[in-house]
Amino acid sequence: MKKEFRVKKNKEFQEAFKKGKSFANRQFVVYVLKKQEQENFRIGLSVSKKIGNAVVRNQVKRYVRQSFHELQERVQTGNDYIVIARKPVAEMGMHDIKKSLEHVLKVAKVLKRPKAGDTD
């Protein structure tokens, strides 16, 4: 995930929290903020210290980034996505995190259907 695809500034996070729509399941809360002028999507990650130590938090962030990378073709462009990890994520593996994120993005209606040739 390249740097230009990431939300970094606190101001941008706050804007997404105030103006964006939130969607959640047990593992994640995802804020979606529409940005028409943007040709690609950006993601911002928030993993609290309640999740675990730095090693665990960084692993969760890597897994979330990798999941978005794998879902890149299906995720709607022109949006900022703020992903907030909840406690159960600490015990999950890469595959479970991807499935959970996929679920939240489907609820948010920002995930396109997979092509016939694609397999998960």
C-alpha atoms as a PDB file:
ATOM      1  CA  MET A   1       0.000   0.000   0.000  1.00  0.00           C
ATOM      2  CA  LYS A   2       1.671   3.185  -1.214  1.00  0.00           C
ATOM      3  CA  LYS A   3       1.857   6.302   0.952  1.00  0.00           C
ATOM      4  CA  GLU A   4      -0.561   8.284  -1.251  1.00  0.00           C
ATOM      5  CA  PHE A   5      -3.238   5.663  -0.510  1.00  0.00           C
ATOM      6  CA  ARG A   6      -3.097   6.363   3.233  1.00  0.00           C
ATOM      7  CA  VAL A   7      -4.898   8.873   5.440  1.00  0.00           C
ATOM      8  CA  LYS A   8      -2.280  10.288   7.796  1.00  0.00           C
ATOM      9  CA  LYS A   9      -3.332  13.683   9.143  1.00  0.00           C
ATOM     10  CA  ASN A  10      -5.458  14.016  12.264  1.00  0.00           C
ATOM     11  CA  LYS A  11      -7.593  16.627  10.471  1.00  0.00           C
ATOM     12  CA  GLU A  12      -8.474  14.080   7.762  1.00  0.00           C
ATOM     13  CA  PHE A  13      -9.386  11.463  10.390  1.00  0.00           C
ATOM     14  CA  GLN A  14     -11.624  13.967  12.208  1.00  0.00           C
ATOM     15  CA  GLU A  15     -13.325  14.964   8.956  1.00  0.00           C
ATOM     16  CA  ALA A  16     -14.121  11.304   8.230  1.00  0.00           C
ATOM     17  CA  PHE A  17     -15.507  10.834  11.757  1.00  0.00           C
ATOM     18  CA  LYS A  18     -17.730  13.932  11.479  1.00  0.00           C
ATOM     19  CA  LYS A  19     -18.904  13.764   7.853  1.00  0.00           C
ATOM     20  CA  GLY A  20     -18.490  10.086   6.995  1.00  0.00           C
ATOM     21  CA  LYS A  21     -20.870   7.169   7.518  1.00  0.00           C
ATOM     22  CA  SER A  22     -19.881   4.374   9.892  1.00  0.00           C
ATOM     23  CA  PHE A  23     -20.412   0.651   9.466  1.00  0.00           C
ATOM     24  CA  ALA A  24     -19.423  -1.981  12.001  1.00  0.00           C
ATOM     25  CA  ASN A  25     -19.244  -5.611  13.003  1.00  0.00           C
ATOM     26  CA  ARG A  26     -17.662  -7.169  16.084  1.00  0.00           C
ATOM     27  CA  GLN A  27     -14.089  -6.768  14.839  1.00  0.00           C
ATOM     28  CA  PHE A  28     -14.051  -3.469  12.934  1.00  0.00           C
ATOM     29  CA  VAL A  29     -15.671  -0.062  12.606  1.00  0.00           C
ATOM     30  CA  VAL A  30     -15.226   1.453   9.145  1.00  0.00           C
ATOM     31  CA  TYR A  31     -15.943   5.105   8.390  1.00  0.00           C
ATOM     32  CA  VAL A  32     -16.555   5.859   4.708  1.00  0.00           C
ATOM     33  CA  LEU A  33     -16.146   9.430   3.487  1.00  0.00           C
ATOM     34  CA  LYS A  34     -16.971  10.150  -0.148  1.00  0.00           C
ATOM     35  CA  LYS A  35     -14.374  12.228  -1.999  1.00  0.00           C
ATOM     36  CA  GLN A  36     -15.508  12.777  -5.582  1.00  0.00           C
ATOM     37  CA  GLU A  37     -12.299  14.504  -6.715  1.00  0.00           C
ATOM     38  CA  GLN A  38     -10.177  11.523  -5.645  1.00  0.00           C
ATOM     39  CA  GLU A  39      -9.458   8.913  -8.340  1.00  0.00           C
ATOM     40  CA  ASN A  40      -8.358   6.181  -5.913  1.00  0.00           C
ATOM     41  CA  PHE A  41      -9.293   5.210  -2.363  1.00  0.00           C
ATOM     42  CA  ARG A  42      -7.279   5.910   0.778  1.00  0.00           C
ATOM     43  CA  ILE A  43      -7.257   4.052   4.079  1.00  0.00           C
ATOM     44  CA  GLY A  44      -6.528   5.228   7.584  1.00  0.00           C
ATOM     45  CA  LEU A  45      -5.917   2.771  10.415  1.00  0.00           C
ATOM     46  CA  SER A  46      -6.577   3.121  14.105  1.00  0.00           C
ATOM     47  CA  VAL A  47      -5.503   0.293  16.413  1.00  0.00           C
ATOM     48  CA  SER A  48      -5.831   1.110  20.110  1.00  0.00           C
ATOM     49  CA  LYS A  49      -3.386   0.102  22.832  1.00  0.00           C
ATOM     50  CA  LYS A  50      -6.245  -1.967  24.269  1.00  0.00           C
ATOM     51  CA  ILE A  51      -5.688  -4.420  21.395  1.00  0.00           C
ATOM     52  CA  GLY A  52      -2.214  -5.395  22.593  1.00  0.00           C
ATOM     53  CA  ASN A  53       1.430  -4.422  22.575  1.00  0.00           C
ATOM     54  CA  ALA A  54       3.185  -2.734  19.646  1.00  0.00           C
ATOM     55  CA  VAL A  55       3.980  -6.045  17.952  1.00  0.00           C
ATOM     56  CA  VAL A  56       0.326  -7.115  17.935  1.00  0.00           C
ATOM     57  CA  ARG A  57      -0.921  -3.668  16.846  1.00  0.00           C
ATOM     58  CA  ASN A  58       1.551  -3.478  13.970  1.00  0.00           C
ATOM     59  CA  GLN A  59       0.641  -7.012  12.876  1.00  0.00           C
ATOM     60  CA  VAL A  60      -3.057  -6.090  12.816  1.00  0.00           C
ATOM     61  CA  LYS A  61      -2.252  -2.999  10.720  1.00  0.00           C
ATOM     62  CA  ARG A  62      -0.187  -5.080   8.285  1.00  0.00           C
ATOM     63  CA  TYR A  63      -3.024  -7.596   7.954  1.00  0.00           C
ATOM     64  CA  VAL A  64      -5.597  -4.852   7.311  1.00  0.00           C
ATOM     65  CA  ARG A  65      -3.367  -3.194   4.684  1.00  0.00           C
ATOM     66  CA  GLN A  66      -2.760  -6.555   3.007  1.00  0.00           C
ATOM     67  CA  SER A  67      -6.497  -7.282   3.001  1.00  0.00           C
ATOM     68  CA  PHE A  68      -7.211  -3.956   1.298  1.00  0.00           C
ATOM     69  CA  HIS A  69      -4.414  -4.700  -1.167  1.00  0.00           C
ATOM     70  CA  GLU A  70      -6.015  -8.047  -2.053  1.00  0.00           C
ATOM     71  CA  LEU A  71      -9.483  -6.459  -2.309  1.00  0.00           C
ATOM     72  CA  GLN A  72      -8.160  -3.450  -4.263  1.00  0.00           C
ATOM     73  CA  GLU A  73      -9.959  -4.355  -7.514  1.00  0.00           C
ATOM     74  CA  ARG A  74     -13.307  -4.648  -5.724  1.00  0.00           C
ATOM     75  CA  VAL A  75     -13.195  -1.667  -3.342  1.00  0.00           C
ATOM     76  CA  GLN A  76     -15.023   1.434  -4.549  1.00  0.00           C
ATOM     77  CA  THR A  77     -12.655   4.271  -5.464  1.00  0.00           C
ATOM     78  CA  GLY A  78     -13.158   7.934  -4.592  1.00  0.00           C
ATOM     79  CA  ASN A  79     -13.561   7.274  -0.855  1.00  0.00           C
ATOM     80  CA  ASP A  80     -11.533   7.553   2.328  1.00  0.00           C
ATOM     81  CA  TYR A  81     -11.857   4.503   4.591  1.00  0.00           C
ATOM     82  CA  ILE A  82     -10.995   4.817   8.274  1.00  0.00           C
ATOM     83  CA  VAL A  83     -10.656   1.360   9.830  1.00  0.00           C
ATOM     84  CA  ILE A  84     -10.837   1.062  13.609  1.00  0.00           C
ATOM     85  CA  ALA A  85      -9.886  -2.327  15.014  1.00  0.00           C
ATOM     86  CA  ARG A  86     -11.768  -3.715  18.004  1.00  0.00           C
ATOM     87  CA  LYS A  87     -10.512  -6.069  20.693  1.00  0.00           C
ATOM     88  CA  PRO A  88     -11.319  -9.488  19.097  1.00  0.00           C
ATOM     89  CA  VAL A  89      -8.937  -8.674  16.206  1.00  0.00           C
ATOM     90  CA  ALA A  90      -5.904  -9.428  18.398  1.00  0.00           C
ATOM     91  CA  GLU A  91      -6.587 -13.193  18.272  1.00  0.00           C
ATOM     92  CA  MET A  92      -7.411 -13.323  14.553  1.00  0.00           C
ATOM     93  CA  GLY A  93      -5.235 -14.459  11.680  1.00  0.00           C
ATOM     94  CA  MET A  94      -4.829 -12.877   8.262  1.00  0.00           C
ATOM     95  CA  HIS A  95      -7.624 -14.912   6.637  1.00  0.00           C
ATOM     96  CA  ASP A  96     -10.148 -14.103   9.401  1.00  0.00           C
ATOM     97  CA  ILE A  97      -9.297 -10.400   9.310  1.00  0.00           C
ATOM     98  CA  LYS A  98      -9.794 -10.310   5.533  1.00  0.00           C
ATOM     99  CA  LYS A  99     -13.174 -12.079   5.817  1.00  0.00           C
ATOM    100  CA  SER A 100     -14.303  -9.713   8.559  1.00  0.00           C
ATOM    101  CA  LEU A 101     -13.218  -6.617   6.604  1.00  0.00           C
ATOM    102  CA  GLU A 102     -14.938  -7.972   3.508  1.00  0.00           C
ATOM    103  CA  HIS A 103     -18.128  -8.351   5.539  1.00  0.00           C
ATOM    104  CA  VAL A 104     -18.042  -4.749   6.825  1.00  0.00           C
ATOM    105  CA  LEU A 105     -17.321  -3.382   3.342  1.00  0.00           C
ATOM    106  CA  LYS A 106     -20.255  -5.377   1.945  1.00  0.00           C
ATOM    107  CA  VAL A 107     -22.509  -3.932   4.659  1.00  0.00           C
ATOM    108  CA  ALA A 108     -21.237  -0.475   3.648  1.00  0.00           C
ATOM    109  CA  LYS A 109     -22.068  -1.346   0.001  1.00  0.00           C
ATOM    110  CA  VAL A 110     -18.619  -0.284  -1.219  1.00  0.00           C
ATOM    111  CA  LEU A 111     -17.440  -3.726  -2.346  1.00  0.00           C
ATOM    112  CA  LYS A 112     -18.049  -4.821  -5.920  1.00  0.00           C
ATOM    113  CA  ARG A 113     -18.916  -8.425  -6.702  1.00  0.00           C
ATOM    114  CA  PRO A 114     -15.915 -10.654  -7.522  1.00  0.00           C
ATOM    115  CA  LYS A 115     -15.433 -11.488 -11.191  1.00  0.00           C
ATOM    116  CA  ALA A 116     -16.371 -15.034 -12.305  1.00  0.00           C
ATOM    117  CA  GLY A 117     -12.707 -16.105 -12.596  1.00  0.00           C
ATOM    118  CA  ASP A 118     -11.693 -14.806  -9.146  1.00  0.00           C
ATOM    119  CA  THR A 119     -11.525 -17.187  -6.210  1.00  0.00           C
ATOM    120  CA  ASP A 120     -11.075 -16.353  -2.548  1.00  0.00           C
END
